């Protein structure tokens, strides 16, 4: 480790150690949820609204709607020990009260933990490991492994996962161990202060450093893919720098300014330099059998930097290239 510097409305149990607080006079005329957001900035507004609706936060001893106006002096009560049935299990695609809880989904799967304290876990994810359960991957995921590694994550939306990597992308991602840490990390993501750097092996010769600034959205026909959408797409920006050139490929360092699904893969393909081994966006053959036979997209999240939610310290971690990626580069260097 090197040290330098959508939130969901899902919930499982109240986290607050503060049983009672009074709304200050300066909040007079505000909506209740807005007043709560001021009083408890460590939690997102959507989470506070969910706790209100569930009755975990009470106004003068009774339940209240988030939009209710307050006038100052009202008493806010939390019920820290109350367990609540989550409206979603936290597992995509599974709805209703009959769905298994997160705690039921724990699986003994080995994890490469590069850092852990009371607030965070930083994982070095191998290629081939799915982050969240979903269609075709109901188990055997990073989420299942995390719930076995740290059972308290069953009380955190999405088991504390605040960003993801594609199944066949390797490298670093951060997991929050508390609700306040999760909210803080989500806000850092939204502020684009979390730094995520990737090593990417792109086909062809990339002549110079550059930036791809092109909005992304779901492909109109192939719904498992993403595509550049000039109208209606979400803002997406990828910066790339040339690190090393080979006869048929270029090693790039990519830095995400935004974090859209498949962002680097789509952006590099859009400039005619798809990732080696990319089954979805790299159909063109390079003419080099080693590149064309690489079994996954050659993409590795090698550096992660953020501000620690509790201490405010700037922290950064780096991950070495996995063996398959490193071996491919060595073979290309020996031409």
Protein backbone atom coordinates (compact mmCIF):
# COMPACT_ATOMS: atom_id res chain seq x y z
CA UNK A 1 0.00 0.00 0.00
CA UNK A 2 1.12 3.51 -0.78
CA UNK A 3 -0.28 6.38 1.26
CA UNK A 4 -0.44 9.82 -0.40
CA UNK A 5 -4.36 11.48 -0.64
CA UNK A 6 -26.13 5.10 -6.73
CA UNK A 7 -26.27 5.57 -3.38
CA UNK A 8 -29.23 3.21 -2.97
CA UNK A 9 -32.24 3.58 -0.78
CA UNK A 10 -31.78 -0.04 0.27
CA UNK A 11 -31.30 -0.56 3.98
CA UNK A 12 -30.96 -3.38 6.46
CA UNK A 13 -30.72 -1.84 9.93
CA UNK A 14 -30.38 1.57 11.53
CA UNK A 15 -26.75 2.58 12.07
CA UNK A 16 -27.14 5.68 14.18
CA UNK A 17 -25.55 5.75 17.63
CA UNK A 18 -27.52 8.97 18.37
CA UNK A 19 -30.98 8.07 19.78
CA UNK A 20 -32.43 11.60 19.91
CA UNK A 21 -31.68 15.07 18.53
CA UNK A 22 -33.60 18.33 18.22
CA UNK A 23 -34.18 20.09 14.90
CA UNK A 24 -32.55 23.54 15.12
CA UNK A 25 -34.51 26.74 14.53
CA UNK A 26 -32.44 27.52 11.43
CA UNK A 27 -34.22 24.64 9.67
CA UNK A 28 -37.66 26.23 10.12
CA UNK A 29 -39.76 25.83 6.98
CA UNK A 30 -37.53 23.09 5.56
CA UNK A 31 -38.68 19.67 4.43
CA UNK A 32 -37.97 17.01 7.03
CA UNK A 33 -35.62 15.09 4.74
CA UNK A 34 -33.65 18.28 4.02
CA UNK A 35 -33.31 18.98 7.74
CA UNK A 36 -32.13 15.43 8.34
CA UNK A 37 -29.56 15.76 5.54
CA UNK A 38 -28.15 18.81 7.34
CA UNK A 39 -28.14 17.11 10.74
CA UNK A 40 -26.66 13.84 9.46
CA UNK A 41 -24.42 14.70 6.47
CA UNK A 42 -22.66 11.36 6.80
CA UNK A 43 -25.76 9.70 5.29
CA UNK A 44 -27.26 10.34 1.87
CA UNK A 45 -30.64 11.99 1.53
CA UNK A 46 -32.09 8.94 -0.23
CA UNK A 47 -31.00 6.69 2.65
CA UNK A 48 -32.53 9.04 5.22
CA UNK A 49 -35.77 9.10 3.22
CA UNK A 50 -35.82 5.30 3.20
CA UNK A 51 -35.33 5.15 6.98
CA UNK A 52 -38.13 7.68 7.45
CA UNK A 53 -40.53 5.63 5.34
CA UNK A 54 -39.55 2.49 7.24
CA UNK A 55 -40.20 4.13 10.61
CA UNK A 56 -36.58 3.95 11.74
CA UNK A 57 -36.51 7.73 12.11
CA UNK A 58 -39.44 9.23 14.03
CA UNK A 59 -40.56 12.83 14.42
CA UNK A 60 -41.87 13.71 17.91
CA UNK A 61 -42.50 10.02 18.52
CA UNK A 62 -44.47 9.39 15.33
CA UNK A 63 -43.86 8.48 11.71
CA UNK A 64 -43.54 11.33 9.23
CA UNK A 65 -43.23 11.76 5.48
CA UNK A 66 -39.94 13.09 4.07
CA UNK A 67 -41.72 16.11 2.54
CA UNK A 68 -43.32 17.24 5.83
CA UNK A 69 -42.27 20.73 6.89
CA UNK A 70 -40.50 21.30 10.20
CA UNK A 71 -40.34 24.47 12.28
CA UNK A 72 -37.51 23.83 14.74
CA UNK A 73 -37.64 22.22 18.15
CA UNK A 74 -39.09 18.91 16.97
CA UNK A 75 -37.44 15.78 18.38
CA UNK A 76 -35.85 13.26 16.02
CA UNK A 77 -35.56 9.70 17.34
CA UNK A 78 -33.65 6.80 15.84
CA UNK A 79 -34.20 3.15 16.68
CA UNK A 80 -30.63 1.85 16.36
CA UNK A 81 -31.42 -1.80 17.04
CA UNK A 82 -34.45 -2.24 14.81
CA UNK A 83 -34.00 -4.76 12.02
CA UNK A 84 -35.85 -3.90 8.85
CA UNK A 85 -36.88 -6.07 5.93
CA UNK A 86 -35.11 -4.61 2.93
CA UNK A 87 -37.40 -4.04 -0.07
CA UNK A 88 -34.72 -5.55 -2.23
CA UNK A 89 -32.41 -8.33 -1.19
CA UNK A 90 -29.43 -6.46 -2.59
CA UNK A 91 -29.03 -9.17 -5.22
CA UNK A 92 -29.95 -7.89 -8.70
CA UNK A 93 -32.96 -9.61 -10.22
CA UNK A 94 -34.30 -10.94 -6.93
CA UNK A 95 -37.40 -9.15 -5.62
CA UNK A 96 -39.88 -9.52 -2.82
CA UNK A 97 -39.87 -10.68 0.78
CA UNK A 98 -39.24 -14.29 -0.19
CA UNK A 99 -35.85 -13.46 -1.70
CA UNK A 100 -32.88 -14.64 0.39
CA UNK A 101 -31.15 -12.05 2.53
CA UNK A 102 -27.60 -10.98 1.88
CA UNK A 103 -26.45 -12.96 4.90
CA UNK A 104 -27.83 -16.14 3.30
CA UNK A 105 -25.65 -15.55 0.24
CA UNK A 106 -22.25 -15.80 1.96
CA UNK A 107 -19.80 -18.19 0.24
CA UNK A 108 -16.30 -19.24 1.19
CA UNK A 109 -14.42 -17.83 -1.81
CA UNK A 110 -10.79 -16.72 -1.48
CA UNK A 111 -10.15 -12.98 -1.70
CA UNK A 112 -6.92 -11.09 -2.26
CA UNK A 113 -7.28 -8.33 0.35
CA UNK A 114 -4.60 -5.66 -0.08
CA UNK A 115 -5.89 -3.34 2.65
CA UNK A 116 -8.50 -3.51 5.39
CA UNK A 117 -9.46 -1.45 8.43
CA UNK A 118 -12.72 -0.62 10.23
CA UNK A 119 -13.98 1.44 7.29
CA UNK A 120 -12.64 -0.05 4.06
CA UNK A 121 -11.61 -3.20 2.26
CA UNK A 122 -9.51 -2.91 -0.89
CA UNK A 123 -9.66 -6.04 -3.05
CA UNK A 124 -7.41 -7.10 -5.91
CA UNK A 125 -10.00 -8.88 -8.08
CA UNK A 126 -8.86 -11.64 -10.44
CA UNK A 127 -10.14 -11.87 -13.98
CA UNK A 128 -13.13 -14.19 -14.22
CA UNK A 129 -14.75 -13.16 -10.93
CA UNK A 130 -18.15 -11.48 -11.27
CA UNK A 131 -18.71 -8.59 -8.87
CA UNK A 132 -22.50 -8.79 -8.29
CA UNK A 133 -24.91 -11.72 -8.59
CA UNK A 134 -27.16 -11.45 -11.64
CA UNK A 135 -28.57 -13.35 -14.58
CA UNK A 136 -26.35 -16.37 -15.17
CA UNK A 137 -24.29 -15.64 -12.05
CA UNK A 138 -26.51 -16.26 -9.05
CA UNK A 139 -23.56 -17.26 -6.88
CA UNK A 140 -19.77 -17.44 -6.84
CA UNK A 141 -19.38 -13.66 -7.01
CA UNK A 142 -17.27 -11.09 -5.21
CA UNK A 143 -20.36 -10.09 -3.21
CA UNK A 144 -20.82 -13.67 -2.00
CA UNK A 145 -17.15 -13.82 -1.02
CA UNK A 146 -17.32 -10.50 0.85
CA UNK A 147 -20.30 -11.63 2.89
CA UNK A 148 -18.32 -14.65 4.07
CA UNK A 149 -15.18 -12.60 4.71
CA UNK A 150 -17.05 -9.91 6.69
CA UNK A 151 -20.61 -10.89 7.75
CA UNK A 152 -21.40 -7.33 8.89
CA UNK A 153 -21.56 -6.35 5.21
CA UNK A 154 -25.01 -7.97 5.10
CA UNK A 155 -26.21 -4.75 6.74
CA UNK A 156 -24.79 -2.53 3.97
CA UNK A 157 -26.48 -2.00 0.58
CA UNK A 158 -24.76 -4.10 -2.10
CA UNK A 159 -22.50 -5.49 0.65
CA UNK A 160 -20.56 -2.21 0.60
CA UNK A 161 -19.54 -2.37 -3.07
CA UNK A 162 -19.42 1.17 -4.46
CA UNK A 163 -17.99 0.52 -7.93
CA UNK A 164 -17.38 -2.50 -10.05
CA UNK A 165 -15.06 -4.10 -12.59
CA UNK A 166 -16.20 -6.23 -15.51
CA UNK A 167 -15.97 -9.98 -14.99
CA UNK A 168 -12.82 -10.35 -17.08
CA UNK A 169 -11.14 -7.14 -15.95
CA UNK A 170 -8.65 -7.63 -13.12
CA UNK A 171 -7.46 -5.23 -10.46
CA UNK A 172 -8.36 -2.99 -7.55
CA UNK A 173 -11.73 -1.99 -6.17
CA UNK A 174 -12.84 -0.59 -2.81
CA UNK A 175 -15.61 -1.84 -0.51
CA UNK A 176 -17.15 0.15 2.36
CA UNK A 177 -17.61 -1.61 5.71
CA UNK A 178 -19.98 0.98 7.19
CA UNK A 179 -22.91 3.00 5.92
CA UNK A 180 -21.12 6.28 6.55
CA UNK A 181 -18.02 5.08 4.68
CA UNK A 182 -20.22 3.96 1.78
CA UNK A 183 -21.95 7.33 1.56
CA UNK A 184 -18.61 9.14 1.69
CA UNK A 185 -17.11 6.97 -1.05
CA UNK A 186 -20.18 7.38 -3.27
CA UNK A 187 -19.85 11.13 -2.88
CA UNK A 188 -16.16 10.94 -3.77
CA UNK A 189 -17.12 8.99 -6.88
CA UNK A 190 -19.69 11.62 -7.79
CA UNK A 191 -17.13 14.38 -7.22
CA UNK A 192 -14.66 12.42 -9.39
CA UNK A 193 -12.02 12.58 -6.70
CA UNK A 194 -11.45 8.81 -6.65
CA UNK A 195 -8.55 8.15 -9.02
CA UNK A 196 -8.72 4.94 -11.06
CA UNK A 197 -5.89 4.07 -13.41
CA UNK A 198 -5.88 1.08 -15.79
CA UNK A 199 -3.33 -0.68 -17.95
CA UNK A 200 -4.84 -1.49 -21.33
CA UNK A 201 -3.33 -3.32 -24.30
CA UNK A 202 -4.92 -1.79 -27.38
CA UNK A 203 -4.65 -3.22 -30.87
CA UNK A 204 -2.73 -1.22 -33.47
CA UNK A 205 -0.33 1.68 -33.07
CA UNK A 206 -1.61 4.54 -30.93
CA UNK A 207 0.38 7.55 -32.11
CA UNK A 208 -0.04 9.91 -29.16
CA UNK A 209 -1.70 10.51 -25.81
CA UNK A 210 -5.30 11.66 -25.94
CA UNK A 211 -8.80 11.84 -24.49
CA UNK A 212 -12.03 10.25 -25.64
CA UNK A 213 -14.98 12.41 -24.65
CA UNK A 214 -18.08 10.58 -25.85
CA UNK A 215 -21.34 9.89 -23.96
CA UNK A 216 -22.36 6.27 -23.44
CA UNK A 217 -25.67 4.45 -23.27
CA UNK A 218 -27.15 1.00 -23.65
CA UNK A 219 -26.84 -0.40 -27.19
CA UNK A 220 -30.17 -0.08 -28.99
CA UNK A 221 -30.16 -3.70 -30.22
CA UNK A 222 -27.54 -5.66 -28.24
CA UNK A 223 -28.71 -4.85 -24.73
CA UNK A 224 -25.70 -6.41 -23.00
CA UNK A 225 -23.41 -3.94 -24.76
CA UNK A 226 -22.82 -0.21 -24.45
CA UNK A 227 -22.47 2.26 -27.30
CA UNK A 228 -21.59 5.89 -27.92
CA UNK A 229 -24.76 7.95 -27.92
CA UNK A 230 -24.49 11.61 -28.92
CA UNK A 231 -28.10 12.16 -27.87
CA UNK A 232 -29.32 10.79 -24.55
CA UNK A 233 -26.08 9.17 -23.45
CA UNK A 234 -24.37 9.74 -20.11
CA UNK A 235 -21.25 11.86 -19.97
CA UNK A 236 -18.12 9.70 -20.29
CA UNK A 237 -14.49 10.76 -20.52
CA UNK A 238 -11.35 8.59 -20.72
CA UNK A 239 -7.79 9.93 -20.77
CA UNK A 240 -5.08 7.68 -22.18
CA UNK A 241 -1.29 7.83 -22.38
CA UNK A 242 1.09 5.70 -24.42
CA UNK A 243 3.44 3.60 -22.28
CA UNK A 244 4.94 1.13 -24.76
CA UNK A 245 4.49 0.24 -28.43
CA UNK A 246 4.73 -3.20 -30.03
CA UNK A 247 4.44 -4.32 -33.63
CA UNK A 248 0.68 -4.86 -33.50
CA UNK A 249 -0.41 -3.29 -30.21
CA UNK A 250 0.13 -0.41 -27.79
CA UNK A 251 0.22 -0.52 -24.00
CA UNK A 252 -1.77 2.41 -22.59
CA UNK A 253 -2.43 3.84 -19.19
CA UNK A 254 -6.07 4.90 -19.04
CA UNK A 255 -7.47 7.24 -16.42
CA UNK A 256 -11.21 7.41 -15.87
CA UNK A 257 -12.79 10.79 -15.32
CA UNK A 258 -16.19 9.11 -15.27
CA UNK A 259 -16.98 5.47 -14.56
CA UNK A 260 -19.55 4.18 -17.03
CA UNK A 261 -20.12 0.51 -17.80
CA UNK A 262 -17.54 -0.79 -20.33
CA UNK A 263 -16.22 2.77 -20.69
CA UNK A 264 -12.59 2.08 -21.60
CA UNK A 265 -13.57 -0.81 -23.87
CA UNK A 266 -16.08 1.23 -25.86
CA UNK A 267 -13.99 4.38 -26.00
CA UNK A 268 -10.86 2.64 -27.28
CA UNK A 269 -12.88 0.68 -29.84
CA UNK A 270 -14.38 3.98 -31.03
CA UNK A 271 -10.91 5.27 -32.01
CA UNK A 272 -10.14 2.01 -33.84
CA UNK A 273 -7.93 0.62 -31.08
CA UNK A 274 -10.02 -2.02 -29.29
CA UNK A 275 -8.56 -3.99 -26.43
CA UNK A 276 -6.74 -7.20 -27.21
CA UNK A 277 -8.95 -10.18 -26.34
CA UNK A 278 -12.15 -8.13 -26.01
CA UNK A 279 -14.98 -10.46 -27.09
CA UNK A 280 -17.59 -7.70 -27.35
CA UNK A 281 -15.80 -4.71 -28.83
CA UNK A 282 -12.63 -6.12 -30.37
CA UNK A 283 -13.74 -8.40 -33.19
CA UNK A 284 -11.08 -7.21 -35.65
CA UNK A 285 -8.05 -9.50 -35.93
CA UNK A 286 -4.62 -8.00 -35.30
CA UNK A 287 -2.63 -10.47 -37.36
CA UNK A 288 -0.67 -11.57 -34.28
CA UNK A 289 -1.83 -14.98 -33.04
CA UNK A 290 -0.82 -14.20 -29.45
CA UNK A 291 -2.98 -11.10 -29.34
CA UNK A 292 -5.90 -12.71 -31.12
CA UNK A 293 -5.83 -15.75 -28.83
CA UNK A 294 -5.77 -13.79 -25.56
CA UNK A 295 -8.85 -15.14 -23.74
CA UNK A 296 -10.13 -11.92 -22.13
CA UNK A 297 -9.97 -8.17 -22.56
CA UNK A 298 -6.45 -7.03 -21.70
CA UNK A 299 -7.47 -4.54 -19.04
CA UNK A 300 -6.17 -4.23 -15.47
CA UNK A 301 -7.11 -1.70 -12.78
CA UNK A 302 -3.60 -1.18 -11.50
CA UNK A 303 -3.93 1.93 -9.29
CA UNK A 304 -6.64 3.22 -6.96
CA UNK A 305 -6.46 6.43 -4.91
CA UNK A 306 -9.03 8.02 -2.59
CA UNK A 307 -9.51 9.95 0.64
CA UNK A 308 -10.09 7.78 3.70
CA UNK A 309 -13.70 8.38 4.85
CA UNK A 310 -12.82 8.52 8.55
CA UNK A 311 -9.32 9.99 8.74
CA UNK A 312 -9.26 12.24 5.68
CA UNK A 313 -5.87 10.79 4.72
CA UNK A 314 -5.01 10.45 1.03
CA UNK A 315 -4.46 6.78 0.27
CA UNK A 316 -3.35 4.88 -2.82
CA UNK A 317 -2.75 1.26 -3.76
CA UNK A 318 -1.14 -0.43 -6.74
CA UNK A 319 -1.62 -3.92 -8.13
CA UNK A 320 0.93 -5.82 -10.23
CA UNK A 321 -0.16 -7.16 -13.58
CA UNK A 322 -1.70 -10.63 -13.38
CA UNK A 323 0.37 -13.47 -14.81
CA UNK A 324 -1.51 -13.85 -18.12
CA UNK A 325 -1.29 -10.16 -18.98
CA UNK A 326 2.37 -9.91 -17.91
CA UNK A 327 3.30 -12.98 -19.94
CA UNK A 328 1.64 -11.58 -23.06
CA UNK A 329 3.64 -8.36 -22.74
CA UNK A 330 6.89 -10.28 -22.29
CA UNK A 331 6.20 -12.31 -25.42
CA UNK A 332 5.52 -9.14 -27.40
CA UNK A 333 8.74 -7.55 -26.14
CA UNK A 334 10.80 -10.46 -27.43
CA UNK A 335 9.85 -9.97 -31.06
